[in-house]
Amino acid sequence: MDSITTLLRNKGFKVTPQRLAIYNVLVNTKTHPSAEMIFNELQPVYPTMSLATVYKTVEILRELGMVQMLNVGEDSFRYDAIVETHPHICCTACGRVDDLEGIDSAEFVKSVEAATPYELTGQQFYFYGICPECQKKKMQQH
Protein backbone atom coordinates (compact mmCIF):
# COMPACT_ATOMS: atom_id res chain seq x y z
CA MET A 1 0.00 0.00 0.00
CA ASP A 2 2.95 2.34 0.55
CA SER A 3 3.81 2.24 -3.16
CA ILE A 4 0.27 3.20 -4.24
CA THR A 5 0.21 6.00 -1.66
CA THR A 6 3.56 7.34 -2.88
CA LEU A 7 2.59 7.01 -6.54
CA LEU A 8 -0.72 8.83 -6.07
CA ARG A 9 0.97 11.66 -4.16
CA ASN A 10 3.84 11.96 -6.66
CA LYS A 11 1.35 12.25 -9.54
CA GLY A 12 -0.67 14.92 -7.73
CA PHE A 13 -3.66 12.80 -6.70
CA LYS A 14 -5.20 12.86 -3.25
CA VAL A 15 -4.72 9.73 -1.18
CA THR A 16 -8.14 8.88 0.24
CA PRO A 17 -9.31 5.85 2.20
CA GLN A 18 -11.76 5.09 -0.63
CA ARG A 19 -9.02 5.08 -3.29
CA LEU A 20 -6.85 2.82 -1.16
CA ALA A 21 -9.80 0.50 -0.51
CA ILE A 22 -10.60 0.26 -4.23
CA TYR A 23 -7.00 -0.63 -5.03
CA ASN A 24 -6.95 -3.10 -2.14
CA VAL A 25 -10.01 -4.88 -3.57
CA LEU A 26 -8.29 -5.20 -6.95
CA VAL A 27 -4.99 -6.44 -5.53
CA ASN A 28 -6.68 -9.05 -3.36
CA THR A 29 -9.03 -10.64 -5.87
CA LYS A 30 -8.74 -12.83 -8.92
CA THR A 31 -12.35 -12.21 -9.99
CA HIS A 32 -11.56 -9.24 -12.28
CA PRO A 33 -14.40 -7.12 -10.91
CA SER A 34 -16.28 -4.38 -12.71
CA ALA A 35 -16.65 -0.94 -11.12
CA GLU A 36 -20.15 -1.94 -10.01
CA MET A 37 -18.83 -5.08 -8.31
CA ILE A 38 -16.16 -3.06 -6.49
CA PHE A 39 -18.79 -0.51 -5.45
CA ASN A 40 -21.11 -3.22 -4.11
CA GLU A 41 -18.28 -4.83 -2.13
CA LEU A 42 -17.20 -1.56 -0.53
CA GLN A 43 -20.67 -0.05 0.02
CA PRO A 44 -21.12 -1.55 3.53
CA VAL A 45 -17.77 -0.11 4.65
CA TYR A 46 -18.02 3.21 2.76
CA PRO A 47 -21.77 3.95 2.56
CA THR A 48 -21.23 7.53 1.32
CA MET A 49 -18.91 6.50 -1.53
CA SER A 50 -20.45 6.91 -4.98
CA LEU A 51 -20.13 4.72 -8.03
CA ALA A 52 -18.57 7.75 -9.75
CA THR A 53 -15.74 7.62 -7.19
CA VAL A 54 -15.04 4.01 -8.15
CA TYR A 55 -15.01 4.85 -11.86
CA LYS A 56 -12.76 7.87 -11.31
CA THR A 57 -10.37 5.86 -9.13
CA VAL A 58 -10.01 2.88 -11.48
CA GLU A 59 -9.33 5.33 -14.32
CA ILE A 60 -6.60 7.02 -12.24
CA LEU A 61 -5.13 3.61 -11.36
CA ARG A 62 -5.19 2.64 -15.04
CA GLU A 63 -3.43 5.88 -16.03
CA LEU A 64 -0.77 5.18 -13.39
CA GLY A 65 -0.24 1.66 -14.72
CA MET A 66 -1.48 0.04 -11.50
CA VAL A 67 -4.44 -1.79 -13.09
CA GLN A 68 -5.43 -2.88 -16.55
CA MET A 69 -8.88 -2.58 -18.06
CA LEU A 70 -10.45 -5.68 -19.62
CA ASN A 71 -13.23 -5.76 -22.19
CA VAL A 72 -14.54 -9.31 -22.30
CA GLY A 73 -17.66 -8.41 -24.28
CA GLU A 74 -19.91 -7.29 -21.44
CA ASP A 75 -21.67 -3.96 -20.96
CA SER A 76 -18.97 -2.81 -18.53
CA PHE A 77 -15.22 -3.12 -18.20
CA ARG A 78 -13.46 -5.39 -15.74
CA TYR A 79 -10.27 -4.46 -13.89
CA ASP A 80 -7.14 -6.46 -13.08
CA ALA A 81 -4.28 -5.43 -10.78
CA ILE A 82 -1.92 -7.79 -12.61
CA VAL A 83 -0.69 -5.43 -15.32
CA GLU A 84 1.77 -7.76 -17.07
CA THR A 85 0.41 -9.12 -20.35
CA HIS A 86 -1.46 -12.36 -19.76
CA PRO A 87 -4.47 -14.06 -21.36
CA HIS A 88 -7.91 -14.33 -19.75
CA ILE A 89 -10.72 -16.84 -20.11
CA CYS A 90 -14.37 -15.84 -19.67
CA CYS A 91 -17.34 -18.10 -18.92
CA THR A 92 -20.10 -17.36 -21.39
CA ALA A 93 -22.69 -18.74 -18.96
CA CYS A 94 -21.95 -16.89 -15.68
CA GLY A 95 -19.47 -14.19 -16.74
CA ARG A 96 -16.62 -15.43 -14.53
CA VAL A 97 -13.20 -14.20 -15.75
CA ASP A 98 -9.99 -16.06 -14.87
CA ASP A 99 -6.31 -15.54 -15.63
CA LEU A 100 -4.69 -18.13 -17.87
CA GLU A 101 -1.36 -18.74 -16.19
CA GLY A 102 1.65 -20.41 -17.77
CA ILE A 103 0.66 -19.50 -21.34
CA ASP A 104 3.50 -17.93 -23.34
CA SER A 105 2.12 -15.78 -26.14
CA ALA A 106 5.51 -14.35 -27.18
CA GLU A 107 5.78 -16.46 -30.35
CA PHE A 108 2.27 -15.48 -31.45
CA VAL A 109 3.07 -11.79 -30.87
CA LYS A 110 6.26 -12.16 -32.92
CA SER A 111 4.23 -13.72 -35.75
CA VAL A 112 1.80 -10.79 -35.69
CA GLU A 113 4.68 -8.28 -35.69
CA ALA A 114 6.21 -10.04 -38.70
CA ALA A 115 2.90 -10.15 -40.57
CA THR A 116 1.96 -6.48 -40.26
CA PRO A 117 3.57 -3.08 -40.83
CA TYR A 118 1.94 -1.88 -37.58
CA GLU A 119 4.08 -0.98 -34.61
CA LEU A 120 2.43 -3.01 -31.86
CA THR A 121 1.72 -1.06 -28.69
CA GLY A 122 -0.05 -3.79 -26.75
CA GLN A 123 -2.36 -6.74 -26.91
CA GLN A 124 -4.98 -8.56 -24.90
CA PHE A 125 -6.02 -12.16 -25.36
CA TYR A 126 -9.49 -13.38 -24.39
CA PHE A 127 -10.76 -16.92 -24.61
CA TYR A 128 -14.35 -17.97 -24.02
CA GLY A 129 -15.91 -21.15 -22.75
CA ILE A 130 -17.98 -22.71 -19.97
CA CYS A 131 -16.38 -22.75 -16.50
CA PRO A 132 -16.23 -25.98 -14.46
CA GLU A 133 -19.04 -24.84 -12.11
CA CYS A 134 -21.41 -24.07 -14.99
CA GLN A 135 -20.48 -27.39 -16.63
CA LYS A 136 -21.47 -29.18 -13.40
CA LYS A 137 -24.78 -27.28 -13.22
CA LYS A 138 -25.51 -28.18 -16.83
CA MET A 139 -24.76 -31.87 -16.17
CA GLN A 140 -27.02 -31.87 -13.08
CA GLN A 141 -29.92 -30.46 -15.13
CA HIS A 142 -29.79 -33.40 -17.53
C-alpha atoms as a PDB file:
ATOM      1  CA  MET A   1       0.000   0.000   0.000  1.00  0.00           C
ATOM      2  CA  ASP A   2       2.949   2.336   0.550  1.00  0.00           C
ATOM      3  CA  SER A   3       3.807   2.237  -3.157  1.00  0.00           C
ATOM      4  CA  ILE A   4       0.269   3.195  -4.236  1.00  0.00           C
ATOM      5  CA  THR A   5       0.214   6.001  -1.657  1.00  0.00           C
ATOM      6  CA  THR A   6       3.559   7.339  -2.882  1.00  0.00           C
ATOM      7  CA  LEU A   7       2.591   7.011  -6.540  1.00  0.00           C
ATOM      8  CA  LEU A   8      -0.721   8.832  -6.070  1.00  0.00           C
ATOM      9  CA  ARG A   9       0.970  11.663  -4.159  1.00  0.00           C
ATOM     10  CA  ASN A  10       3.840  11.965  -6.658  1.00  0.00           C
ATOM     11  CA  LYS A  11       1.353  12.252  -9.538  1.00  0.00           C
ATOM     12  CA  GLY A  12      -0.673  14.921  -7.733  1.00  0.00           C
ATOM     13  CA  PHE A  13      -3.663  12.799  -6.704  1.00  0.00           C
ATOM     14  CA  LYS A  14      -5.199  12.865  -3.248  1.00  0.00           C
ATOM     15  CA  VAL A  15      -4.719   9.732  -1.182  1.00  0.00           C
ATOM     16  CA  THR A  16      -8.142   8.881   0.237  1.00  0.00           C
ATOM     17  CA  PRO A  17      -9.315   5.846   2.199  1.00  0.00           C
ATOM     18  CA  GLN A  18     -11.758   5.090  -0.631  1.00  0.00           C
ATOM     19  CA  ARG A  19      -9.021   5.080  -3.288  1.00  0.00           C
ATOM     20  CA  LEU A  20      -6.851   2.819  -1.156  1.00  0.00           C
ATOM     21  CA  ALA A  21      -9.805   0.502  -0.512  1.00  0.00           C
ATOM     22  CA  ILE A  22     -10.603   0.257  -4.234  1.00  0.00           C
ATOM     23  CA  TYR A  23      -6.999  -0.628  -5.032  1.00  0.00           C
ATOM     24  CA  ASN A  24      -6.954  -3.098  -2.137  1.00  0.00           C
ATOM     25  CA  VAL A  25     -10.008  -4.882  -3.568  1.00  0.00           C
ATOM     26  CA  LEU A  26      -8.294  -5.203  -6.946  1.00  0.00           C
ATOM     27  CA  VAL A  27      -4.990  -6.437  -5.528  1.00  0.00           C
ATOM     28  CA  ASN A  28      -6.676  -9.053  -3.356  1.00  0.00           C
ATOM     29  CA  THR A  29      -9.029 -10.641  -5.875  1.00  0.00           C
ATOM     30  CA  LYS A  30      -8.741 -12.830  -8.922  1.00  0.00           C
ATOM     31  CA  THR A  31     -12.354 -12.206  -9.994  1.00  0.00           C
ATOM     32  CA  HIS A  32     -11.557  -9.244 -12.283  1.00  0.00           C
ATOM     33  CA  PRO A  33     -14.403  -7.116 -10.912  1.00  0.00           C
ATOM     34  CA  SER A  34     -16.284  -4.380 -12.715  1.00  0.00           C
ATOM     35  CA  ALA A  35     -16.648  -0.935 -11.117  1.00  0.00           C
ATOM     36  CA  GLU A  36     -20.151  -1.936 -10.011  1.00  0.00           C
ATOM     37  CA  MET A  37     -18.826  -5.085  -8.314  1.00  0.00           C
ATOM     38  CA  ILE A  38     -16.161  -3.056  -6.486  1.00  0.00           C
ATOM     39  CA  PHE A  39     -18.792  -0.505  -5.447  1.00  0.00           C
ATOM     40  CA  ASN A  40     -21.109  -3.222  -4.106  1.00  0.00           C
ATOM     41  CA  GLU A  41     -18.276  -4.833  -2.133  1.00  0.00           C
ATOM     42  CA  LEU A  42     -17.198  -1.560  -0.535  1.00  0.00           C
ATOM     43  CA  GLN A  43     -20.674  -0.053   0.022  1.00  0.00           C
ATOM     44  CA  PRO A  44     -21.125  -1.552   3.530  1.00  0.00           C
ATOM     45  CA  VAL A  45     -17.768  -0.107   4.655  1.00  0.00           C
ATOM     46  CA  TYR A  46     -18.021   3.210   2.759  1.00  0.00           C
ATOM     47  CA  PRO A  47     -21.775   3.950   2.560  1.00  0.00           C
ATOM     48  CA  THR A  48     -21.226   7.530   1.324  1.00  0.00           C
ATOM     49  CA  MET A  49     -18.912   6.495  -1.527  1.00  0.00           C
ATOM     50  CA  SER A  50     -20.448   6.914  -4.977  1.00  0.00           C
ATOM     51  CA  LEU A  51     -20.129   4.717  -8.034  1.00  0.00           C
ATOM     52  CA  ALA A  52     -18.572   7.745  -9.753  1.00  0.00           C
ATOM     53  CA  THR A  53     -15.739   7.616  -7.189  1.00  0.00           C
ATOM     54  CA  VAL A  54     -15.040   4.005  -8.145  1.00  0.00           C
ATOM     55  CA  TYR A  55     -15.014   4.849 -11.864  1.00  0.00           C
ATOM     56  CA  LYS A  56     -12.761   7.867 -11.314  1.00  0.00           C
ATOM     57  CA  THR A  57     -10.375   5.859  -9.126  1.00  0.00           C
ATOM     58  CA  VAL A  58     -10.011   2.883 -11.483  1.00  0.00           C
ATOM     59  CA  GLU A  59      -9.334   5.328 -14.319  1.00  0.00           C
ATOM     60  CA  ILE A  60      -6.604   7.022 -12.238  1.00  0.00           C
ATOM     61  CA  LEU A  61      -5.132   3.613 -11.357  1.00  0.00           C
ATOM     62  CA  ARG A  62      -5.189   2.641 -15.044  1.00  0.00           C
ATOM     63  CA  GLU A  63      -3.428   5.882 -16.033  1.00  0.00           C
ATOM     64  CA  LEU A  64      -0.771   5.181 -13.388  1.00  0.00           C
ATOM     65  CA  GLY A  65      -0.244   1.656 -14.721  1.00  0.00           C
ATOM     66  CA  MET A  66      -1.483   0.037 -11.501  1.00  0.00           C
ATOM     67  CA  VAL A  67      -4.440  -1.792 -13.086  1.00  0.00           C
ATOM     68  CA  GLN A  68      -5.434  -2.877 -16.551  1.00  0.00           C
ATOM     69  CA  MET A  69      -8.882  -2.583 -18.061  1.00  0.00           C
ATOM     70  CA  LEU A  70     -10.453  -5.676 -19.620  1.00  0.00           C
ATOM     71  CA  ASN A  71     -13.228  -5.755 -22.195  1.00  0.00           C
ATOM     72  CA  VAL A  72     -14.539  -9.307 -22.303  1.00  0.00           C
ATOM     73  CA  GLY A  73     -17.664  -8.408 -24.278  1.00  0.00           C
ATOM     74  CA  GLU A  74     -19.914  -7.291 -21.444  1.00  0.00           C
ATOM     75  CA  ASP A  75     -21.671  -3.956 -20.964  1.00  0.00           C
ATOM     76  CA  SER A  76     -18.973  -2.811 -18.528  1.00  0.00           C
ATOM     77  CA  PHE A  77     -15.225  -3.118 -18.202  1.00  0.00           C
ATOM     78  CA  ARG A  78     -13.455  -5.389 -15.736  1.00  0.00           C
ATOM     79  CA  TYR A  79     -10.274  -4.461 -13.889  1.00  0.00           C
ATOM     80  CA  ASP A  80      -7.139  -6.459 -13.083  1.00  0.00           C
ATOM     81  CA  ALA A  81      -4.280  -5.425 -10.782  1.00  0.00           C
ATOM     82  CA  ILE A  82      -1.916  -7.786 -12.613  1.00  0.00           C
ATOM     83  CA  VAL A  83      -0.687  -5.432 -15.319  1.00  0.00           C
ATOM     84  CA  GLU A  84       1.772  -7.758 -17.068  1.00  0.00           C
ATOM     85  CA  THR A  85       0.412  -9.118 -20.346  1.00  0.00           C
ATOM     86  CA  HIS A  86      -1.461 -12.363 -19.758  1.00  0.00           C
ATOM     87  CA  PRO A  87      -4.474 -14.059 -21.356  1.00  0.00           C
ATOM     88  CA  HIS A  88      -7.913 -14.329 -19.750  1.00  0.00           C
ATOM     89  CA  ILE A  89     -10.723 -16.838 -20.106  1.00  0.00           C
ATOM     90  CA  CYS A  90     -14.367 -15.844 -19.670  1.00  0.00           C
ATOM     91  CA  CYS A  91     -17.335 -18.100 -18.920  1.00  0.00           C
ATOM     92  CA  THR A  92     -20.105 -17.359 -21.395  1.00  0.00           C
ATOM     93  CA  ALA A  93     -22.688 -18.737 -18.957  1.00  0.00           C
ATOM     94  CA  CYS A  94     -21.953 -16.893 -15.679  1.00  0.00           C
ATOM     95  CA  GLY A  95     -19.465 -14.187 -16.738  1.00  0.00           C
ATOM     96  CA  ARG A  96     -16.618 -15.428 -14.529  1.00  0.00           C
ATOM     97  CA  VAL A  97     -13.197 -14.196 -15.750  1.00  0.00           C
ATOM     98  CA  ASP A  98      -9.995 -16.058 -14.869  1.00  0.00           C
ATOM     99  CA  ASP A  99      -6.310 -15.545 -15.627  1.00  0.00           C
ATOM    100  CA  LEU A 100      -4.685 -18.128 -17.869  1.00  0.00           C
ATOM    101  CA  GLU A 101      -1.357 -18.742 -16.195  1.00  0.00           C
ATOM    102  CA  GLY A 102       1.651 -20.409 -17.774  1.00  0.00           C
ATOM    103  CA  ILE A 103       0.663 -19.505 -21.339  1.00  0.00           C
ATOM    104  CA  ASP A 104       3.496 -17.928 -23.339  1.00  0.00           C
ATOM    105  CA  SER A 105       2.121 -15.782 -26.139  1.00  0.00           C
ATOM    106  CA  ALA A 106       5.506 -14.349 -27.177  1.00  0.00           C
ATOM    107  CA  GLU A 107       5.777 -16.462 -30.354  1.00  0.00           C
ATOM    108  CA  PHE A 108       2.273 -15.479 -31.455  1.00  0.00           C
ATOM    109  CA  VAL A 109       3.067 -11.794 -30.868  1.00  0.00           C
ATOM    110  CA  LYS A 110       6.264 -12.163 -32.924  1.00  0.00           C
ATOM    111  CA  SER A 111       4.225 -13.724 -35.748  1.00  0.00           C
ATOM    112  CA  VAL A 112       1.805 -10.794 -35.687  1.00  0.00           C
ATOM    113  CA  GLU A 113       4.683  -8.283 -35.693  1.00  0.00           C
ATOM    114  CA  ALA A 114       6.210 -10.045 -38.697  1.00  0.00           C
ATOM    115  CA  ALA A 115       2.897 -10.145 -40.566  1.00  0.00           C
ATOM    116  CA  THR A 116       1.959  -6.477 -40.265  1.00  0.00           C
ATOM    117  CA  PRO A 117       3.572  -3.083 -40.828  1.00  0.00           C
ATOM    118  CA  TYR A 118       1.935  -1.880 -37.584  1.00  0.00           C
ATOM    119  CA  GLU A 119       4.083  -0.984 -34.611  1.00  0.00           C
ATOM    120  CA  LEU A 120       2.433  -3.010 -31.863  1.00  0.00           C
ATOM    121  CA  THR A 121       1.715  -1.056 -28.695  1.00  0.00           C
ATOM    122  CA  GLY A 122      -0.050  -3.792 -26.752  1.00  0.00           C
ATOM    123  CA  GLN A 123      -2.359  -6.738 -26.914  1.00  0.00           C
ATOM    124  CA  GLN A 124      -4.982  -8.560 -24.895  1.00  0.00           C
ATOM    125  CA  PHE A 125      -6.019 -12.163 -25.356  1.00  0.00           C
ATOM    126  CA  TYR A 126      -9.493 -13.383 -24.392  1.00  0.00           C
ATOM    127  CA  PHE A 127     -10.756 -16.925 -24.608  1.00  0.00           C
ATOM    128  CA  TYR A 128     -14.350 -17.967 -24.020  1.00  0.00           C
ATOM    129  CA  GLY A 129     -15.910 -21.155 -22.746  1.00  0.00           C
ATOM    130  CA  ILE A 130     -17.980 -22.710 -19.974  1.00  0.00           C
ATOM    131  CA  CYS A 131     -16.378 -22.752 -16.505  1.00  0.00           C
ATOM    132  CA  PRO A 132     -16.232 -25.979 -14.458  1.00  0.00           C
ATOM    133  CA  GLU A 133     -19.041 -24.844 -12.111  1.00  0.00           C
ATOM    134  CA  CYS A 134     -21.407 -24.072 -14.994  1.00  0.00           C
ATOM    135  CA  GLN A 135     -20.482 -27.395 -16.626  1.00  0.00           C
ATOM    136  CA  LYS A 136     -21.470 -29.185 -13.399  1.00  0.00           C
ATOM    137  CA  LYS A 137     -24.777 -27.279 -13.217  1.00  0.00           C
ATOM    138  CA  LYS A 138     -25.509 -28.179 -16.832  1.00  0.00           C
ATOM    139  CA  MET A 139     -24.759 -31.868 -16.166  1.00  0.00           C
ATOM    140  CA  GLN A 140     -27.022 -31.868 -13.083  1.00  0.00           C
ATOM    141  CA  GLN A 141     -29.925 -30.456 -15.126  1.00  0.00           C
ATOM    142  CA  HIS A 142     -29.793 -33.402 -17.528  1.00  0.00           C
END
